[in-house]
C-alpha cells in the first residue's frame, strides 16, 4: 500500500516549496548553512509524518 506523496509541492502540508527554499538560500551566504540544515530537518520530518500516517491507515484497515 502506497500513500499519496504528501511531500510534493502540491500537497497542502507542504508549506515551503522548492522555489521558496532556493530564494531563501540565495539571500545571504551566512544563512545558507542554517537554511540547508532546516530544510534537511523539515524534509526528514515530512518523511516520518508520512510513515506515521501510512502506518495508522494500515492499522485502521487491518483492525476489525
PDB file of N, CA and C in Angstrom:
ATOM      1  N   UNK A   1       0.846  -1.184   0.000  1.00  0.00           N
ATOM      2  CA  UNK A   1       0.000   0.000   0.000  1.00  0.00           C
ATOM      3  C   UNK A   1       0.889   1.243   0.000  1.00  0.00           C
ATOM      4  N   UNK A   2       0.639   2.123  -0.905  1.00  0.00           N
ATOM      5  CA  UNK A   2       1.422   3.343  -1.017  1.00  0.00           C
ATOM      6  C   UNK A   2       0.486   4.528  -0.866  1.00  0.00           C
ATOM      7  N   UNK A   3       0.835   5.424   0.038  1.00  0.00           N
ATOM      8  CA  UNK A   3       0.024   6.615   0.262  1.00  0.00           C
ATOM      9  C   UNK A   3       0.371   7.709  -0.721  1.00  0.00           C
ATOM     10  N   UNK A   4      -0.339   8.816  -0.630  1.00  0.00           N
ATOM     11  CA  UNK A   4      -0.055   9.948  -1.519  1.00  0.00           C
ATOM     12  C   UNK A   4       1.290  10.569  -1.200  1.00  0.00           C
ATOM     13  N   UNK A   5       1.857  11.259  -2.161  1.00  0.00           N
ATOM     14  CA  UNK A   5       3.126  11.954  -1.962  1.00  0.00           C
ATOM     15  C   UNK A   5       2.844  13.253  -1.221  1.00  0.00           C
ATOM     16  N   UNK A   6       2.831  13.165   0.098  1.00  0.00           N
ATOM     17  CA  UNK A   6       2.470  14.321   0.911  1.00  0.00           C
ATOM     18  C   UNK A   6       3.574  15.354   0.970  1.00  0.00           C
ATOM     19  N   UNK A   7       4.755  15.030   0.474  1.00  0.00           N
ATOM     20  CA  UNK A   7       5.849  15.987   0.467  1.00  0.00           C
ATOM     21  C   UNK A   7       5.955  16.771  -0.828  1.00  0.00           C
ATOM     22  N   UNK A   8       5.052  16.508  -1.754  1.00  0.00           N
ATOM     23  CA  UNK A   8       5.129  17.215  -3.033  1.00  0.00           C
ATOM     24  C   UNK A   8       4.710  18.668  -2.871  1.00  0.00           C
ATOM     25  N   UNK A   9       5.064  19.482  -3.848  1.00  0.00           N
ATOM     26  CA  UNK A   9       4.692  20.898  -3.818  1.00  0.00           C
ATOM     27  C   UNK A   9       3.185  21.088  -3.879  1.00  0.00           C
ATOM     28  N   UNK A  10       2.456  20.100  -4.386  1.00  0.00           N
ATOM     29  CA  UNK A  10       1.004  20.196  -4.499  1.00  0.00           C
ATOM     30  C   UNK A  10       0.293  19.827  -3.208  1.00  0.00           C
ATOM     31  N   UNK A  11       1.014  19.249  -2.265  1.00  0.00           N
ATOM     32  CA  UNK A  11       0.400  18.834  -1.015  1.00  0.00           C
ATOM     33  C   UNK A  11       0.044  20.039  -0.157  1.00  0.00           C
ATOM     34  N   UNK A  12      -1.136  20.023   0.469  1.00  0.00           N
ATOM     35  CA  UNK A  12      -1.489  21.135   1.356  1.00  0.00           C
ATOM     36  C   UNK A  12      -0.582  21.219   2.578  1.00  0.00           C
ATOM     37  N   UNK A  13       0.103  20.104   2.918  1.00  0.00           N
ATOM     38  CA  UNK A  13       1.005  20.124   4.068  1.00  0.00           C
ATOM     39  C   UNK A  13       2.361  20.705   3.720  1.00  0.00           C
ATOM     40  N   UNK A  14       2.657  20.862   2.461  1.00  0.00           N
ATOM     41  CA  UNK A  14       3.951  21.392   2.052  1.00  0.00           C
ATOM     42  C   UNK A  14       3.909  22.907   2.127  1.00  0.00           C
ATOM     43  N   UNK A  15       4.393  23.464   3.232  1.00  0.00           N
ATOM     44  CA  UNK A  15       4.263  24.904   3.452  1.00  0.00           C
ATOM     45  C   UNK A  15       5.339  25.712   2.739  1.00  0.00           C
ATOM     46  N   UNK A  16       6.476  25.108   2.448  1.00  0.00           N
ATOM     47  CA  UNK A  16       7.548  25.812   1.741  1.00  0.00           C
ATOM     48  C   UNK A  16       7.946  24.961   0.545  1.00  0.00           C
ATOM     49  N   UNK A  17       7.732  25.482  -0.655  1.00  0.00           N
ATOM     50  CA  UNK A  17       8.073  24.693  -1.833  1.00  0.00           C
ATOM     51  C   UNK A  17       9.539  24.894  -2.210  1.00  0.00           C
ATOM     52  N   UNK A  18       9.999  24.128  -3.179  1.00  0.00           N
ATOM     53  CA  UNK A  18      11.417  24.150  -3.542  1.00  0.00           C
ATOM     54  C   UNK A  18      11.859  25.510  -4.079  1.00  0.00           C
ATOM     55  N   UNK A  19      10.963  26.233  -4.739  1.00  0.00           N
ATOM     56  CA  UNK A  19      11.311  27.558  -5.256  1.00  0.00           C
ATOM     57  C   UNK A  19      11.550  28.545  -4.110  1.00  0.00           C
ATOM     58  N   UNK A  20      10.736  28.429  -3.060  1.00  0.00           N
ATOM     59  CA  UNK A  20      10.923  29.310  -1.907  1.00  0.00           C
ATOM     60  C   UNK A  20      12.236  29.006  -1.191  1.00  0.00           C
ATOM     61  N   UNK A  21      12.584  27.702  -1.077  1.00  0.00           N
ATOM     62  CA  UNK A  21      13.857  27.332  -0.449  1.00  0.00           C
ATOM     63  C   UNK A  21      15.007  27.925  -1.251  1.00  0.00           C
ATOM     64  N   UNK A  22      14.934  27.843  -2.567  1.00  0.00           N
ATOM     65  CA  UNK A  22      16.006  28.369  -3.415  1.00  0.00           C
ATOM     66  C   UNK A  22      16.165  29.870  -3.215  1.00  0.00           C
ATOM     67  N   UNK A  23      15.061  30.585  -3.105  1.00  0.00           N
ATOM     68  CA  UNK A  23      15.120  32.036  -2.886  1.00  0.00           C
ATOM     69  C   UNK A  23      15.749  32.351  -1.535  1.00  0.00           C
ATOM     70  N   UNK A  24      15.419  31.571  -0.523  1.00  0.00           N
ATOM     71  CA  UNK A  24      16.000  31.797   0.807  1.00  0.00           C
ATOM     72  C   UNK A  24      17.507  31.552   0.798  1.00  0.00           C
ATOM     73  N   UNK A  25      17.929  30.519   0.071  1.00  0.00           N
ATOM     74  CA  UNK A  25      19.349  30.181   0.029  1.00  0.00           C
ATOM     75  C   UNK A  25      20.170  31.218  -0.730  1.00  0.00           C
ATOM     76  N   UNK A  26      19.550  31.962  -1.623  1.00  0.00           N
ATOM     77  CA  UNK A  26      20.270  32.968  -2.397  1.00  0.00           C
ATOM     78  C   UNK A  26      20.485  34.260  -1.616  1.00  0.00           C
ATOM     79  N   UNK A  27      19.683  34.523  -0.600  1.00  0.00           N
ATOM     80  CA  UNK A  27      19.704  35.810   0.091  1.00  0.00           C
ATOM     81  C   UNK A  27      21.035  36.147   0.745  1.00  0.00           C
ATOM     82  N   UNK A  28      21.493  35.352   1.677  1.00  0.00           N
ATOM     83  CA  UNK A  28      22.670  35.706   2.464  1.00  0.00           C
ATOM     84  C   UNK A  28      23.554  34.474   2.637  1.00  0.00           C
ATOM     85  N   UNK A  29      24.798  34.593   2.271  1.00  0.00           N
ATOM     86  CA  UNK A  29      25.724  33.458   2.351  1.00  0.00           C
ATOM     87  C   UNK A  29      25.872  32.945   3.779  1.00  0.00           C
ATOM     88  N   UNK A  30      25.784  33.833   4.756  1.00  0.00           N
ATOM     89  CA  UNK A  30      25.942  33.425   6.154  1.00  0.00           C
ATOM     90  C   UNK A  30      24.789  32.546   6.621  1.00  0.00           C
ATOM     91  N   UNK A  31      23.624  32.697   6.015  1.00  0.00           N
ATOM     92  CA  UNK A  31      22.452  31.921   6.426  1.00  0.00           C
ATOM     93  C   UNK A  31      22.320  30.599   5.685  1.00  0.00           C
ATOM     94  N   UNK A  32      23.109  30.382   4.656  1.00  0.00           N
ATOM     95  CA  UNK A  32      22.949  29.197   3.823  1.00  0.00           C
ATOM     96  C   UNK A  32      23.079  27.893   4.601  1.00  0.00           C
ATOM     97  N   UNK A  33      24.072  27.793   5.457  1.00  0.00           N
ATOM     98  CA  UNK A  33      24.271  26.551   6.201  1.00  0.00           C
ATOM     99  C   UNK A  33      23.090  26.271   7.119  1.00  0.00           C
ATOM    100  N   UNK A  34      22.616  27.287   7.815  1.00  0.00           N
ATOM    101  CA  UNK A  34      21.474  27.113   8.710  1.00  0.00           C
ATOM    102  C   UNK A  34      20.217  26.754   7.924  1.00  0.00           C
ATOM    103  N   UNK A  35      19.994  27.405   6.805  1.00  0.00           N
ATOM    104  CA  UNK A  35      18.813  27.117   5.998  1.00  0.00           C
ATOM    105  C   UNK A  35      18.859  25.714   5.415  1.00  0.00           C
ATOM    106  N   UNK A  36      20.038  25.275   4.998  1.00  0.00           N
ATOM    107  CA  UNK A  36      20.158  23.902   4.478  1.00  0.00           C
ATOM    108  C   UNK A  36      19.857  22.886   5.580  1.00  0.00           C
ATOM    109  N   UNK A  37      20.342  23.159   6.775  1.00  0.00           N
ATOM    110  CA  UNK A  37      20.061  22.269   7.902  1.00  0.00           C
ATOM    111  C   UNK A  37      18.562  22.248   8.197  1.00  0.00           C
ATOM    112  N   UNK A  38      17.933  23.415   8.209  1.00  0.00           N
ATOM    113  CA  UNK A  38      16.493  23.495   8.464  1.00  0.00           C
ATOM    114  C   UNK A  38      15.715  22.763   7.373  1.00  0.00           C
ATOM    115  N   UNK A  39      16.133  22.925   6.124  1.00  0.00           N
ATOM    116  CA  UNK A  39      15.466  22.244   5.020  1.00  0.00           C
ATOM    117  C   UNK A  39      15.598  20.730   5.166  1.00  0.00           C
ATOM    118  N   UNK A  40      16.778  20.258   5.521  1.00  0.00           N
ATOM    119  CA  UNK A  40      17.006  18.829   5.709  1.00  0.00           C
ATOM    120  C   UNK A  40      16.122  18.285   6.830  1.00  0.00           C
ATOM    121  N   UNK A  41      16.059  19.002   7.941  1.00  0.00           N
ATOM    122  CA  UNK A  41      15.223  18.576   9.068  1.00  0.00           C
ATOM    123  C   UNK A  41      13.748  18.552   8.680  1.00  0.00           C
ATOM    124  N   UNK A  42      13.309  19.567   7.949  1.00  0.00           N
ATOM    125  CA  UNK A  42      11.917  19.656   7.514  1.00  0.00           C
ATOM    126  C   UNK A  42      11.564  18.480   6.600  1.00  0.00           C
ATOM    127  N   UNK A  43      12.462  18.151   5.678  1.00  0.00           N
ATOM    128  CA  UNK A  43      12.211  17.038   4.766  1.00  0.00           C
ATOM    129  C   UNK A  43      12.164  15.712   5.522  1.00  0.00           C
ATOM    130  N   UNK A  44      13.051  15.531   6.496  1.00  0.00           N
ATOM    131  CA  UNK A  44      13.029  14.310   7.305  1.00  0.00           C
ATOM    132  C   UNK A  44      11.745  14.225   8.115  1.00  0.00           C
ATOM    133  N   UNK A  45      11.312  15.343   8.662  1.00  0.00           N
ATOM    134  CA  UNK A  45      10.061  15.364   9.421  1.00  0.00           C
ATOM    135  C   UNK A  45       8.893  14.950   8.534  1.00  0.00           C
ATOM    136  N   UNK A  46       8.849  15.455   7.317  1.00  0.00           N
ATOM    137  CA  UNK A  46       7.779  15.083   6.390  1.00  0.00           C
ATOM    138  C   UNK A  46       7.775  13.582   6.126  1.00  0.00           C
ATOM    139  N   UNK A  47       8.950  12.993   5.950  1.00  0.00           N
ATOM    140  CA  UNK A  47       9.047  11.559   5.702  1.00  0.00           C
ATOM    141  C   UNK A  47       8.498  10.789   6.897  1.00  0.00           C
ATOM    142  N   UNK A  48       8.889  11.173   8.113  1.00  0.00           N
ATOM    143  CA  UNK A  48       8.434  10.460   9.305  1.00  0.00           C
ATOM    144  C   UNK A  48       6.939  10.638   9.540  1.00  0.00           C
ATOM    145  N   UNK A  49       6.412  11.809   9.268  1.00  0.00           N
ATOM    146  CA  UNK A  49       4.969  12.031   9.411  1.00  0.00           C
ATOM    147  C   UNK A  49       4.220  11.196   8.382  1.00  0.00           C
ATOM    148  N   UNK A  50       4.714  11.153   7.157  1.00  0.00           N
ATOM    149  CA  UNK A  50       4.082  10.341   6.116  1.00  0.00           C
ATOM    150  C   UNK A  50       4.065   8.870   6.515  1.00  0.00           C
ATOM    151  N   UNK A  51       5.171   8.386   7.068  1.00  0.00           N
ATOM    152  CA  UNK A  51       5.236   6.991   7.504  1.00  0.00           C
ATOM    153  C   UNK A  51       4.252   6.735   8.639  1.00  0.00           C
ATOM    154  N   UNK A  52       4.134   7.673   9.566  1.00  0.00           N
ATOM    155  CA  UNK A  52       3.197   7.517  10.677  1.00  0.00           C
ATOM    156  C   UNK A  52       1.757   7.489  10.172  1.00  0.00           C
ATOM    157  N   UNK A  53       1.437   8.351   9.221  1.00  0.00           N
ATOM    158  CA  UNK A  53       0.085   8.385   8.652  1.00  0.00           C
ATOM    159  C   UNK A  53      -0.213   7.076   7.931  1.00  0.00           C
ATOM    160  N   UNK A  54       0.741   6.587   7.154  1.00  0.00           N
ATOM    161  CA  UNK A  54       0.540   5.326   6.440  1.00  0.00           C
ATOM    162  C   UNK A  54       0.383   4.163   7.409  1.00  0.00           C
ATOM    163  N   UNK A  55       1.174   4.142   8.483  1.00  0.00           N
ATOM    164  CA  UNK A  55       1.062   3.078   9.481  1.00  0.00           C
ATOM    165  C   UNK A  55      -0.306   3.121  10.152  1.00  0.00           C
ATOM    166  N   UNK A  56      -0.766   4.314  10.460  1.00  0.00           N
ATOM    167  CA  UNK A  56      -2.079   4.455  11.097  1.00  0.00           C
ATOM    168  C   UNK A  56      -3.185   3.974  10.158  1.00  0.00           C
ATOM    169  N   UNK A  57      -3.065   4.294   8.877  1.00  0.00           N
ATOM    170  CA  UNK A  57      -4.051   3.835   7.896  1.00  0.00           C
ATOM    171  C   UNK A  57      -4.045   2.317   7.802  1.00  0.00           C
ATOM    172  N   UNK A  58      -2.863   1.713   7.812  1.00  0.00           N
ATOM    173  CA  UNK A  58      -2.765   0.257   7.725  1.00  0.00           C
ATOM    174  C   UNK A  58      -3.378  -0.402   8.950  1.00  0.00           C
ATOM    175  N   UNK A  59      -3.144   0.168  10.126  1.00  0.00           N
ATOM    176  CA  UNK A  59      -3.715  -0.386  11.355  1.00  0.00           C
ATOM    177  C   UNK A  59      -5.232  -0.283  11.319  1.00  0.00           C
ATOM    178  N   UNK A  60      -5.752   0.849  10.865  1.00  0.00           N
ATOM    179  CA  UNK A  60      -7.209   1.017  10.830  1.00  0.00           C
ATOM    180  C   UNK A  60      -7.851   0.081   9.811  1.00  0.00           C
ATOM    181  N   UNK A  61      -7.147  -0.220   8.718  1.00  0.00           N
ATOM    182  CA  UNK A  61      -7.677  -1.145   7.716  1.00  0.00           C
ATOM    183  C   UNK A  61      -7.670  -2.574   8.248  1.00  0.00           C
ATOM    184  N   UNK A  62      -6.628  -2.940   8.983  1.00  0.00           N
ATOM    185  CA  UNK A  62      -6.479  -4.308   9.485  1.00  0.00           C
ATOM    186  C   UNK A  62      -7.289  -4.572  10.748  1.00  0.00           C
ATOM    187  N   UNK A  63      -7.716  -3.526  11.429  1.00  0.00           N
ATOM    188  CA  UNK A  63      -8.482  -3.693  12.667  1.00  0.00           C
ATOM    189  C   UNK A  63      -9.937  -3.997  12.331  1.00  0.00           C
ATOM    190  N   UNK A  64     -10.534  -4.904  13.120  1.00  0.00           N
ATOM    191  CA  UNK A  64     -11.954  -5.245  12.864  1.00  0.00           C
ATOM    192  C   UNK A  64     -12.893  -4.125  13.229  1.00  0.00           C
TER     193      UNK A  64
END
